[in-house]
């Protein structure tokens, strides 16, 4: 997930990495699956 949060835009890198560090662990299994799916979206 950390590697997938590294994107081509600094704004995305900062938002996604911060979320992974501070918010991801609060997600339930379904939301974690949706986050994983979201990381496949174009920047």
ModelCIF file with pLDDT and N, C-alpha, C, O atoms, coordinates in Angstrom:
data_MODEL
#
_entry.id   MODEL 
#
_entity.id                         1 
_entity.type                       polymer 
_entity.pdbx_number_of_molecules   1 
#
_entity_poly.entity_id                      1 
_entity_poly.type                           'polypeptide(L)' 
_entity_poly.nstd_linkage                   no 
_entity_poly.nstd_monomer                   no 
_entity_poly.pdbx_seq_one_letter_code       
;(UNK)(UNK)(UNK)(UNK)(UNK)(UNK)(UNK)(UNK)(UNK)(UNK)(UNK)(UNK)(UNK)(UNK)(UNK)(UNK)
(UNK)(UNK)(UNK)(UNK)(UNK)(UNK)(UNK)(UNK)(UNK)(UNK)(UNK)(UNK)(UNK)(UNK)(UNK)(UNK)
(UNK)(UNK)(UNK)(UNK)(UNK)(UNK)(UNK)(UNK)(UNK)(UNK)(UNK)
;
_entity_poly.pdbx_seq_one_letter_code_can   XXXXXXXXXXXXXXXXXXXXXXXXXXXXXXXXXXXXXXXXXXX 
_entity_poly.pdbx_strand_id                 A 
#
loop_
_entity_poly_seq.entity_id 
_entity_poly_seq.num 
_entity_poly_seq.mon_id 
_entity_poly_seq.hetero 
1 1  UNK n 
1 2  UNK n 
1 3  UNK n 
1 4  UNK n 
1 5  UNK n 
1 6  UNK n 
1 7  UNK n 
1 8  UNK n 
1 9  UNK n 
1 10 UNK n 
1 11 UNK n 
1 12 UNK n 
1 13 UNK n 
1 14 UNK n 
1 15 UNK n 
1 16 UNK n 
1 17 UNK n 
1 18 UNK n 
1 19 UNK n 
1 20 UNK n 
1 21 UNK n 
1 22 UNK n 
1 23 UNK n 
1 24 UNK n 
1 25 UNK n 
1 26 UNK n 
1 27 UNK n 
1 28 UNK n 
1 29 UNK n 
1 30 UNK n 
1 31 UNK n 
1 32 UNK n 
1 33 UNK n 
1 34 UNK n 
1 35 UNK n 
1 36 UNK n 
1 37 UNK n 
1 38 UNK n 
1 39 UNK n 
1 40 UNK n 
1 41 UNK n 
1 42 UNK n 
1 43 UNK n 
#
_struct_asym.id          A 
_struct_asym.entity_id   1 
#
loop_
_ma_qa_metric.id 
_ma_qa_metric.mode 
_ma_qa_metric.name 
_ma_qa_metric.software_group_id 
_ma_qa_metric.type 
1 global pLDDT . pLDDT 
2 local  pLDDT . pLDDT 
#
_ma_qa_metric_global.metric_id      1 
_ma_qa_metric_global.metric_value   94.12 
_ma_qa_metric_global.model_id       1 
_ma_qa_metric_global.ordinal_id     1 
#
loop_
_ma_qa_metric_local.label_asym_id 
_ma_qa_metric_local.label_comp_id 
_ma_qa_metric_local.label_seq_id 
_ma_qa_metric_local.metric_id 
_ma_qa_metric_local.metric_value 
_ma_qa_metric_local.model_id 
_ma_qa_metric_local.ordinal_id 
A UNK 1  2 92.00 1 1  
A UNK 2  2 92.00 1 2  
A UNK 3  2 93.00 1 3  
A UNK 4  2 93.00 1 4  
A UNK 5  2 93.00 1 5  
A UNK 6  2 92.00 1 6  
A UNK 7  2 89.00 1 7  
A UNK 8  2 84.00 1 8  
A UNK 9  2 89.00 1 9  
A UNK 10 2 91.00 1 10 
A UNK 11 2 91.00 1 11 
A UNK 12 2 93.00 1 12 
A UNK 13 2 93.00 1 13 
A UNK 14 2 92.00 1 14 
A UNK 15 2 94.00 1 15 
A UNK 16 2 96.00 1 16 
A UNK 17 2 94.00 1 17 
A UNK 18 2 94.00 1 18 
A UNK 19 2 96.00 1 19 
A UNK 20 2 95.00 1 20 
A UNK 21 2 94.00 1 21 
A UNK 22 2 95.00 1 22 
A UNK 23 2 95.00 1 23 
A UNK 24 2 96.00 1 24 
A UNK 25 2 95.00 1 25 
A UNK 26 2 95.00 1 26 
A UNK 27 2 96.00 1 27 
A UNK 28 2 96.00 1 28 
A UNK 29 2 96.00 1 29 
A UNK 30 2 97.00 1 30 
A UNK 31 2 97.00 1 31 
A UNK 32 2 96.00 1 32 
A UNK 33 2 96.00 1 33 
A UNK 34 2 97.00 1 34 
A UNK 35 2 97.00 1 35 
A UNK 36 2 95.00 1 36 
A UNK 37 2 96.00 1 37 
A UNK 38 2 96.00 1 38 
A UNK 39 2 96.00 1 39 
A UNK 40 2 95.00 1 40 
A UNK 41 2 96.00 1 41 
A UNK 42 2 95.00 1 42 
A UNK 43 2 94.00 1 43 
#
loop_
_atom_site.group_PDB 
_atom_site.id 
_atom_site.type_symbol 
_atom_site.label_atom_id 
_atom_site.label_alt_id 
_atom_site.label_comp_id 
_atom_site.label_asym_id 
_atom_site.label_entity_id 
_atom_site.label_seq_id 
_atom_site.pdbx_PDB_ins_code 
_atom_site.Cartn_x 
_atom_site.Cartn_y 
_atom_site.Cartn_z 
_atom_site.occupancy 
_atom_site.B_iso_or_equiv 
_atom_site.pdbx_formal_charge 
_atom_site.auth_seq_id 
_atom_site.auth_comp_id 
_atom_site.auth_asym_id 
_atom_site.auth_atom_id 
_atom_site.pdbx_PDB_model_num 
ATOM 1   N N  . UNK A 1 1  ? 0.827   -1.206 0.000   1.00 92.00 ? 1  UNK A N  1 
ATOM 2   C CA . UNK A 1 1  ? 0.000   0.000  0.000   1.00 92.00 ? 1  UNK A CA 1 
ATOM 3   C C  . UNK A 1 1  ? 0.864   1.261  0.000   1.00 92.00 ? 1  UNK A C  1 
ATOM 4   O O  . UNK A 1 1  ? 0.536   2.235  -0.678  1.00 92.00 ? 1  UNK A O  1 
ATOM 5   N N  . UNK A 1 2  ? 1.956   1.251  0.748   1.00 92.00 ? 2  UNK A N  1 
ATOM 6   C CA . UNK A 1 2  ? 2.841   2.421  0.762   1.00 92.00 ? 2  UNK A CA 1 
ATOM 7   C C  . UNK A 1 2  ? 3.374   2.705  -0.635  1.00 92.00 ? 2  UNK A C  1 
ATOM 8   O O  . UNK A 1 2  ? 3.432   3.861  -1.053  1.00 92.00 ? 2  UNK A O  1 
ATOM 9   N N  . UNK A 1 3  ? 3.760   1.670  -1.353  1.00 93.00 ? 3  UNK A N  1 
ATOM 10  C CA . UNK A 1 3  ? 4.251   1.861  -2.714  1.00 93.00 ? 3  UNK A CA 1 
ATOM 11  C C  . UNK A 1 3  ? 3.141   2.365  -3.627  1.00 93.00 ? 3  UNK A C  1 
ATOM 12  O O  . UNK A 1 3  ? 3.387   3.210  -4.489  1.00 93.00 ? 3  UNK A O  1 
ATOM 13  N N  . UNK A 1 4  ? 1.934   1.863  -3.452  1.00 93.00 ? 4  UNK A N  1 
ATOM 14  C CA . UNK A 1 4  ? 0.828   2.303  -4.294  1.00 93.00 ? 4  UNK A CA 1 
ATOM 15  C C  . UNK A 1 4  ? 0.395   3.734  -3.980  1.00 93.00 ? 4  UNK A C  1 
ATOM 16  O O  . UNK A 1 4  ? -0.188  4.402  -4.834  1.00 93.00 ? 4  UNK A O  1 
ATOM 17  N N  . UNK A 1 5  ? 0.673   4.210  -2.773  1.00 93.00 ? 5  UNK A N  1 
ATOM 18  C CA . UNK A 1 5  ? 0.336   5.588  -2.404  1.00 93.00 ? 5  UNK A CA 1 
ATOM 19  C C  . UNK A 1 5  ? 1.312   6.590  -3.002  1.00 93.00 ? 5  UNK A C  1 
ATOM 20  O O  . UNK A 1 5  ? 1.044   7.791  -3.010  1.00 93.00 ? 5  UNK A O  1 
ATOM 21  N N  . UNK A 1 6  ? 2.429   6.109  -3.495  1.00 92.00 ? 6  UNK A N  1 
ATOM 22  C CA . UNK A 1 6  ? 3.380   6.991  -4.184  1.00 92.00 ? 6  UNK A CA 1 
ATOM 23  C C  . UNK A 1 6  ? 2.884   7.198  -5.596  1.00 92.00 ? 6  UNK A C  1 
ATOM 24  O O  . UNK A 1 6  ? 2.848   6.266  -6.400  1.00 92.00 ? 6  UNK A O  1 
ATOM 25  N N  . UNK A 1 7  ? 2.504   8.418  -5.888  1.00 89.00 ? 7  UNK A N  1 
ATOM 26  C CA . UNK A 1 7  ? 1.905   8.735  -7.176  1.00 89.00 ? 7  UNK A CA 1 
ATOM 27  C C  . UNK A 1 7  ? 2.794   9.710  -7.932  1.00 89.00 ? 7  UNK A C  1 
ATOM 28  O O  . UNK A 1 7  ? 3.916   9.997  -7.514  1.00 89.00 ? 7  UNK A O  1 
ATOM 29  N N  . UNK A 1 8  ? 2.285   10.215 -9.046  1.00 84.00 ? 8  UNK A N  1 
ATOM 30  C CA . UNK A 1 8  ? 3.038   11.163 -9.835  1.00 84.00 ? 8  UNK A CA 1 
ATOM 31  C C  . UNK A 1 8  ? 2.817   12.615 -9.432  1.00 84.00 ? 8  UNK A C  1 
ATOM 32  O O  . UNK A 1 8  ? 3.410   13.522 -10.014 1.00 84.00 ? 8  UNK A O  1 
ATOM 33  N N  . UNK A 1 9  ? 1.966   12.832 -8.441  1.00 89.00 ? 9  UNK A N  1 
ATOM 34  C CA . UNK A 1 9  ? 1.649   14.194 -7.993  1.00 89.00 ? 9  UNK A CA 1 
ATOM 35  C C  . UNK A 1 9  ? 1.934   14.306 -6.502  1.00 89.00 ? 9  UNK A C  1 
ATOM 36  O O  . UNK A 1 9  ? 1.518   13.459 -5.712  1.00 89.00 ? 9  UNK A O  1 
ATOM 37  N N  . UNK A 1 10 ? 2.635   15.343 -6.135  1.00 91.00 ? 10 UNK A N  1 
ATOM 38  C CA . UNK A 1 10 ? 2.978   15.549 -4.732  1.00 91.00 ? 10 UNK A CA 1 
ATOM 39  C C  . UNK A 1 10 ? 1.732   15.620 -3.853  1.00 91.00 ? 10 UNK A C  1 
ATOM 40  O O  . UNK A 1 10 ? 1.720   15.071 -2.751  1.00 91.00 ? 10 UNK A O  1 
ATOM 41  N N  . UNK A 1 11 ? 0.691   16.288 -4.329  1.00 91.00 ? 11 UNK A N  1 
ATOM 42  C CA . UNK A 1 11 ? -0.539  16.427 -3.548  1.00 91.00 ? 11 UNK A CA 1 
ATOM 43  C C  . UNK A 1 11 ? -1.119  15.055 -3.203  1.00 91.00 ? 11 UNK A C  1 
ATOM 44  O O  . UNK A 1 11 ? -1.525  14.809 -2.067  1.00 91.00 ? 11 UNK A O  1 
ATOM 45  N N  . UNK A 1 12 ? -1.152  14.180 -4.184  1.00 93.00 ? 12 UNK A N  1 
ATOM 46  C CA . UNK A 1 12 ? -1.666  12.833 -3.945  1.00 93.00 ? 12 UNK A CA 1 
ATOM 47  C C  . UNK A 1 12 ? -0.763  12.051 -2.998  1.00 93.00 ? 12 UNK A C  1 
ATOM 48  O O  . UNK A 1 12 ? -1.242  11.363 -2.097  1.00 93.00 ? 12 UNK A O  1 
ATOM 49  N N  . UNK A 1 13 ? 0.543   12.163 -3.207  1.00 93.00 ? 13 UNK A N  1 
ATOM 50  C CA . UNK A 1 13 ? 1.491   11.478 -2.319  1.00 93.00 ? 13 UNK A CA 1 
ATOM 51  C C  . UNK A 1 13 ? 1.241   11.870 -0.870  1.00 93.00 ? 13 UNK A C  1 
ATOM 52  O O  . UNK A 1 13 ? 1.176   11.012 0.010   1.00 93.00 ? 13 UNK A O  1 
ATOM 53  N N  . UNK A 1 14 ? 1.102   13.154 -0.626  1.00 92.00 ? 14 UNK A N  1 
ATOM 54  C CA . UNK A 1 14 ? 0.928   13.642 0.739   1.00 92.00 ? 14 UNK A CA 1 
ATOM 55  C C  . UNK A 1 14 ? -0.404  13.192 1.339   1.00 92.00 ? 14 UNK A C  1 
ATOM 56  O O  . UNK A 1 14 ? -0.445  12.725 2.478   1.00 92.00 ? 14 UNK A O  1 
ATOM 57  N N  . UNK A 1 15 ? -1.479  13.328 0.589   1.00 94.00 ? 15 UNK A N  1 
ATOM 58  C CA . UNK A 1 15 ? -2.800  12.940 1.087   1.00 94.00 ? 15 UNK A CA 1 
ATOM 59  C C  . UNK A 1 15 ? -2.892  11.435 1.356   1.00 94.00 ? 15 UNK A C  1 
ATOM 60  O O  . UNK A 1 15 ? -3.365  11.010 2.410   1.00 94.00 ? 15 UNK A O  1 
ATOM 61  N N  . UNK A 1 16 ? -2.441  10.651 0.404   1.00 96.00 ? 16 UNK A N  1 
ATOM 62  C CA . UNK A 1 16 ? -2.577  9.206  0.538   1.00 96.00 ? 16 UNK A CA 1 
ATOM 63  C C  . UNK A 1 16 ? -1.661  8.634  1.608   1.00 96.00 ? 16 UNK A C  1 
ATOM 64  O O  . UNK A 1 16 ? -2.071  7.767  2.380   1.00 96.00 ? 16 UNK A O  1 
ATOM 65  N N  . UNK A 1 17 ? -0.424  9.115  1.659   1.00 94.00 ? 17 UNK A N  1 
ATOM 66  C CA . UNK A 1 17 ? 0.507   8.603  2.662   1.00 94.00 ? 17 UNK A CA 1 
ATOM 67  C C  . UNK A 1 17 ? 0.062   8.998  4.067   1.00 94.00 ? 17 UNK A C  1 
ATOM 68  O O  . UNK A 1 17 ? 0.147   8.196  4.997   1.00 94.00 ? 17 UNK A O  1 
ATOM 69  N N  . UNK A 1 18 ? -0.407  10.224 4.217   1.00 94.00 ? 18 UNK A N  1 
ATOM 70  C CA . UNK A 1 18 ? -0.901  10.673 5.513   1.00 94.00 ? 18 UNK A CA 1 
ATOM 71  C C  . UNK A 1 18 ? -2.095  9.821  5.944   1.00 94.00 ? 18 UNK A C  1 
ATOM 72  O O  . UNK A 1 18 ? -2.199  9.437  7.109   1.00 94.00 ? 18 UNK A O  1 
ATOM 73  N N  . UNK A 1 19 ? -2.989  9.528  5.008   1.00 96.00 ? 19 UNK A N  1 
ATOM 74  C CA . UNK A 1 19 ? -4.135  8.690  5.336   1.00 96.00 ? 19 UNK A CA 1 
ATOM 75  C C  . UNK A 1 19 ? -3.692  7.286  5.722   1.00 96.00 ? 19 UNK A C  1 
ATOM 76  O O  . UNK A 1 19 ? -4.200  6.714  6.687   1.00 96.00 ? 19 UNK A O  1 
ATOM 77  N N  . UNK A 1 20 ? -2.758  6.738  4.980   1.00 95.00 ? 20 UNK A N  1 
ATOM 78  C CA . UNK A 1 20 ? -2.265  5.400  5.309   1.00 95.00 ? 20 UNK A CA 1 
ATOM 79  C C  . UNK A 1 20 ? -1.665  5.370  6.708   1.00 95.00 ? 20 UNK A C  1 
ATOM 80  O O  . UNK A 1 20 ? -1.847  4.401  7.444   1.00 95.00 ? 20 UNK A O  1 
ATOM 81  N N  . UNK A 1 21 ? -0.958  6.416  7.072   1.00 94.00 ? 21 UNK A N  1 
ATOM 82  C CA . UNK A 1 21 ? -0.320  6.493  8.387   1.00 94.00 ? 21 UNK A CA 1 
ATOM 83  C C  . UNK A 1 21 ? -1.297  6.776  9.522   1.00 94.00 ? 21 UNK A C  1 
ATOM 84  O O  . UNK A 1 21 ? -1.105  6.287  10.635  1.00 94.00 ? 21 UNK A O  1 
ATOM 85  N N  . UNK A 1 22 ? -2.353  7.565  9.254   1.00 95.00 ? 22 UNK A N  1 
ATOM 86  C CA . UNK A 1 22 ? -3.196  8.058  10.343  1.00 95.00 ? 22 UNK A CA 1 
ATOM 87  C C  . UNK A 1 22 ? -4.669  7.665  10.275  1.00 95.00 ? 22 UNK A C  1 
ATOM 88  O O  . UNK A 1 22 ? -5.396  7.862  11.249  1.00 95.00 ? 22 UNK A O  1 
ATOM 89  N N  . UNK A 1 23 ? -5.125  7.119  9.159   1.00 95.00 ? 23 UNK A N  1 
ATOM 90  C CA . UNK A 1 23 ? -6.545  6.817  9.052   1.00 95.00 ? 23 UNK A CA 1 
ATOM 91  C C  . UNK A 1 23 ? -6.891  5.417  8.583   1.00 95.00 ? 23 UNK A C  1 
ATOM 92  O O  . UNK A 1 23 ? -7.976  4.911  8.869   1.00 95.00 ? 23 UNK A O  1 
ATOM 93  N N  . UNK A 1 24 ? -5.993  4.805  7.882   1.00 96.00 ? 24 UNK A N  1 
ATOM 94  C CA . UNK A 1 24 ? -6.274  3.497  7.281   1.00 96.00 ? 24 UNK A CA 1 
ATOM 95  C C  . UNK A 1 24 ? -6.663  2.441  8.313   1.00 96.00 ? 24 UNK A C  1 
ATOM 96  O O  . UNK A 1 24 ? -7.583  1.658  8.079   1.00 96.00 ? 24 UNK A O  1 
ATOM 97  N N  . UNK A 1 25 ? -5.987  2.415  9.425   1.00 95.00 ? 25 UNK A N  1 
ATOM 98  C CA . UNK A 1 25 ? -6.233  1.387  10.440  1.00 95.00 ? 25 UNK A CA 1 
ATOM 99  C C  . UNK A 1 25 ? -7.635  1.463  11.042  1.00 95.00 ? 25 UNK A C  1 
ATOM 100 O O  . UNK A 1 25 ? -8.097  0.495  11.646  1.00 95.00 ? 25 UNK A O  1 
ATOM 101 N N  . UNK A 1 26 ? -8.311  2.589  10.889  1.00 95.00 ? 26 UNK A N  1 
ATOM 102 C CA . UNK A 1 26 ? -9.676  2.730  11.408  1.00 95.00 ? 26 UNK A CA 1 
ATOM 103 C C  . UNK A 1 26 ? -10.731 2.195  10.444  1.00 95.00 ? 26 UNK A C  1 
ATOM 104 O O  . UNK A 1 26 ? -11.901 2.081  10.811  1.00 95.00 ? 26 UNK A O  1 
ATOM 105 N N  . UNK A 1 27 ? -10.332 1.865  9.221   1.00 96.00 ? 27 UNK A N  1 
ATOM 106 C CA . UNK A 1 27 ? -11.277 1.354  8.228   1.00 96.00 ? 27 UNK A CA 1 
ATOM 107 C C  . UNK A 1 27 ? -11.652 -0.093 8.526   1.00 96.00 ? 27 UNK A C  1 
ATOM 108 O O  . UNK A 1 27 ? -10.841 -0.869 9.031   1.00 96.00 ? 27 UNK A O  1 
ATOM 109 N N  . UNK A 1 28 ? -12.896 -0.441 8.205   1.00 96.00 ? 28 UNK A N  1 
ATOM 110 C CA . UNK A 1 28 ? -13.291 -1.847 8.293   1.00 96.00 ? 28 UNK A CA 1 
ATOM 111 C C  . UNK A 1 28 ? -12.811 -2.569 7.024   1.00 96.00 ? 28 UNK A C  1 
ATOM 112 O O  . UNK A 1 28 ? -12.255 -1.945 6.121   1.00 96.00 ? 28 UNK A O  1 
ATOM 113 N N  . UNK A 1 29 ? -13.027 -3.862 6.970   1.00 96.00 ? 29 UNK A N  1 
ATOM 114 C CA . UNK A 1 29 ? -12.513 -4.671 5.854   1.00 96.00 ? 29 UNK A CA 1 
ATOM 115 C C  . UNK A 1 29 ? -13.065 -4.214 4.509   1.00 96.00 ? 29 UNK A C  1 
ATOM 116 O O  . UNK A 1 29 ? -12.331 -4.180 3.522   1.00 96.00 ? 29 UNK A O  1 
ATOM 117 N N  . UNK A 1 30 ? -14.343 -3.862 4.457   1.00 97.00 ? 30 UNK A N  1 
ATOM 118 C CA . UNK A 1 30 ? -14.944 -3.417 3.196   1.00 97.00 ? 30 UNK A CA 1 
ATOM 119 C C  . UNK A 1 30 ? -14.331 -2.095 2.727   1.00 97.00 ? 30 UNK A C  1 
ATOM 120 O O  . UNK A 1 30 ? -14.053 -1.924 1.540   1.00 97.00 ? 30 UNK A O  1 
ATOM 121 N N  . UNK A 1 31 ? -14.124 -1.177 3.644   1.00 97.00 ? 31 UNK A N  1 
ATOM 122 C CA . UNK A 1 31 ? -13.532 0.120  3.292   1.00 97.00 ? 31 UNK A CA 1 
ATOM 123 C C  . UNK A 1 31 ? -12.066 -0.053 2.900   1.00 97.00 ? 31 UNK A C  1 
ATOM 124 O O  . UNK A 1 31 ? -11.581 0.654  2.017   1.00 97.00 ? 31 UNK A O  1 
ATOM 125 N N  . UNK A 1 32 ? -11.365 -0.967 3.532   1.00 96.00 ? 32 UNK A N  1 
ATOM 126 C CA . UNK A 1 32 ? -9.967  -1.234 3.136   1.00 96.00 ? 32 UNK A CA 1 
ATOM 127 C C  . UNK A 1 32 ? -9.913  -1.774 1.715   1.00 96.00 ? 32 UNK A C  1 
ATOM 128 O O  . UNK A 1 32 ? -9.021  -1.425 0.942   1.00 96.00 ? 32 UNK A O  1 
ATOM 129 N N  . UNK A 1 33 ? -10.864 -2.619 1.382   1.00 96.00 ? 33 UNK A N  1 
ATOM 130 C CA . UNK A 1 33 ? -10.931 -3.140 0.026   1.00 96.00 ? 33 UNK A CA 1 
ATOM 131 C C  . UNK A 1 33 ? -11.226 -2.005 -0.971  1.00 96.00 ? 33 UNK A C  1 
ATOM 132 O O  . UNK A 1 33 ? -10.668 -1.977 -2.068  1.00 96.00 ? 33 UNK A O  1 
ATOM 133 N N  . UNK A 1 34 ? -12.097 -1.083 -0.585  1.00 97.00 ? 34 UNK A N  1 
ATOM 134 C CA . UNK A 1 34 ? -12.412 0.060  -1.444  1.00 97.00 ? 34 UNK A CA 1 
ATOM 135 C C  . UNK A 1 34 ? -11.192 0.965  -1.603  1.00 97.00 ? 34 UNK A C  1 
ATOM 136 O O  . UNK A 1 34 ? -10.951 1.485  -2.692  1.00 97.00 ? 34 UNK A O  1 
ATOM 137 N N  . UNK A 1 35 ? -10.412 1.164  -0.522  1.00 97.00 ? 35 UNK A N  1 
ATOM 138 C CA . UNK A 1 35 ? -9.186  1.966  -0.611  1.00 97.00 ? 35 UNK A CA 1 
ATOM 139 C C  . UNK A 1 35 ? -8.211  1.319  -1.588  1.00 97.00 ? 35 UNK A C  1 
ATOM 140 O O  . UNK A 1 35 ? -7.592  2.008  -2.399  1.00 97.00 ? 35 UNK A O  1 
ATOM 141 N N  . UNK A 1 36 ? -8.075  0.014  -1.513  1.00 95.00 ? 36 UNK A N  1 
ATOM 142 C CA . UNK A 1 36 ? -7.194  -0.708 -2.427  1.00 95.00 ? 36 UNK A CA 1 
ATOM 143 C C  . UNK A 1 36 ? -7.661  -0.519 -3.867  1.00 95.00 ? 36 UNK A C  1 
ATOM 144 O O  . UNK A 1 36 ? -6.845  -0.317 -4.767  1.00 95.00 ? 36 UNK A O  1 
ATOM 145 N N  . UNK A 1 37 ? -8.960  -0.584 -4.082  1.00 96.00 ? 37 UNK A N  1 
ATOM 146 C CA . UNK A 1 37 ? -9.534  -0.360 -5.409  1.00 96.00 ? 37 UNK A CA 1 
ATOM 147 C C  . UNK A 1 37 ? -9.274  1.074  -5.866  1.00 96.00 ? 37 UNK A C  1 
ATOM 148 O O  . UNK A 1 37 ? -8.946  1.310  -7.029  1.00 96.00 ? 37 UNK A O  1 
ATOM 149 N N  . UNK A 1 38 ? -9.419  2.017  -4.961  1.00 96.00 ? 38 UNK A N  1 
ATOM 150 C CA . UNK A 1 38 ? -9.201  3.429  -5.265  1.00 96.00 ? 38 UNK A CA 1 
ATOM 151 C C  . UNK A 1 38 ? -7.776  3.684  -5.757  1.00 96.00 ? 38 UNK A C  1 
ATOM 152 O O  . UNK A 1 38 ? -7.557  4.531  -6.623  1.00 96.00 ? 38 UNK A O  1 
ATOM 153 N N  . UNK A 1 39 ? -6.829  2.963  -5.213  1.00 96.00 ? 39 UNK A N  1 
ATOM 154 C CA . UNK A 1 39 ? -5.430  3.155  -5.608  1.00 96.00 ? 39 UNK A CA 1 
ATOM 155 C C  . UNK A 1 39 ? -5.163  2.731  -7.053  1.00 96.00 ? 39 UNK A C  1 
ATOM 156 O O  . UNK A 1 39 ? -4.107  3.044  -7.602  1.00 96.00 ? 39 UNK A O  1 
ATOM 157 N N  . UNK A 1 40 ? -6.099  2.029  -7.668  1.00 95.00 ? 40 UNK A N  1 
ATOM 158 C CA . UNK A 1 40 ? -5.979  1.664  -9.086  1.00 95.00 ? 40 UNK A CA 1 
ATOM 159 C C  . UNK A 1 40 ? -6.506  2.753  -10.009 1.00 95.00 ? 40 UNK A C  1 
ATOM 160 O O  . UNK A 1 40 ? -6.330  2.667  -11.225 1.00 95.00 ? 40 UNK A O  1 
ATOM 161 N N  . UNK A 1 41 ? -7.146  3.769  -9.458  1.00 96.00 ? 41 UNK A N  1 
ATOM 162 C CA . UNK A 1 41 ? -7.702  4.848  -10.273 1.00 96.00 ? 41 UNK A CA 1 
ATOM 163 C C  . UNK A 1 41 ? -6.572  5.706  -10.841 1.00 96.00 ? 41 UNK A C  1 
ATOM 164 O O  . UNK A 1 41 ? -5.512  5.816  -10.226 1.00 96.00 ? 41 UNK A O  1 
ATOM 165 N N  . UNK A 1 42 ? -6.790  6.313  -12.010 1.00 95.00 ? 42 UNK A N  1 
ATOM 166 C CA . UNK A 1 42 ? -5.802  7.244  -12.564 1.00 95.00 ? 42 UNK A CA 1 
ATOM 167 C C  . UNK A 1 42 ? -5.617  8.457  -11.642 1.00 95.00 ? 42 UNK A C  1 
ATOM 168 O O  . UNK A 1 42 ? -6.551  8.883  -10.963 1.00 95.00 ? 42 UNK A O  1 
ATOM 169 N N  . UNK A 1 43 ? -4.419  8.993  -11.633 1.00 94.00 ? 43 UNK A N  1 
ATOM 170 C CA . UNK A 1 43 ? -4.098  10.114 -10.752 1.00 94.00 ? 43 UNK A CA 1 
ATOM 171 C C  . UNK A 1 43 ? -5.058  11.283 -10.911 1.00 94.00 ? 43 UNK A C  1 
ATOM 172 O O  . UNK A 1 43 ? -4.911  12.300 -10.232 1.00 94.00 ? 43 UNK A O  1 
#
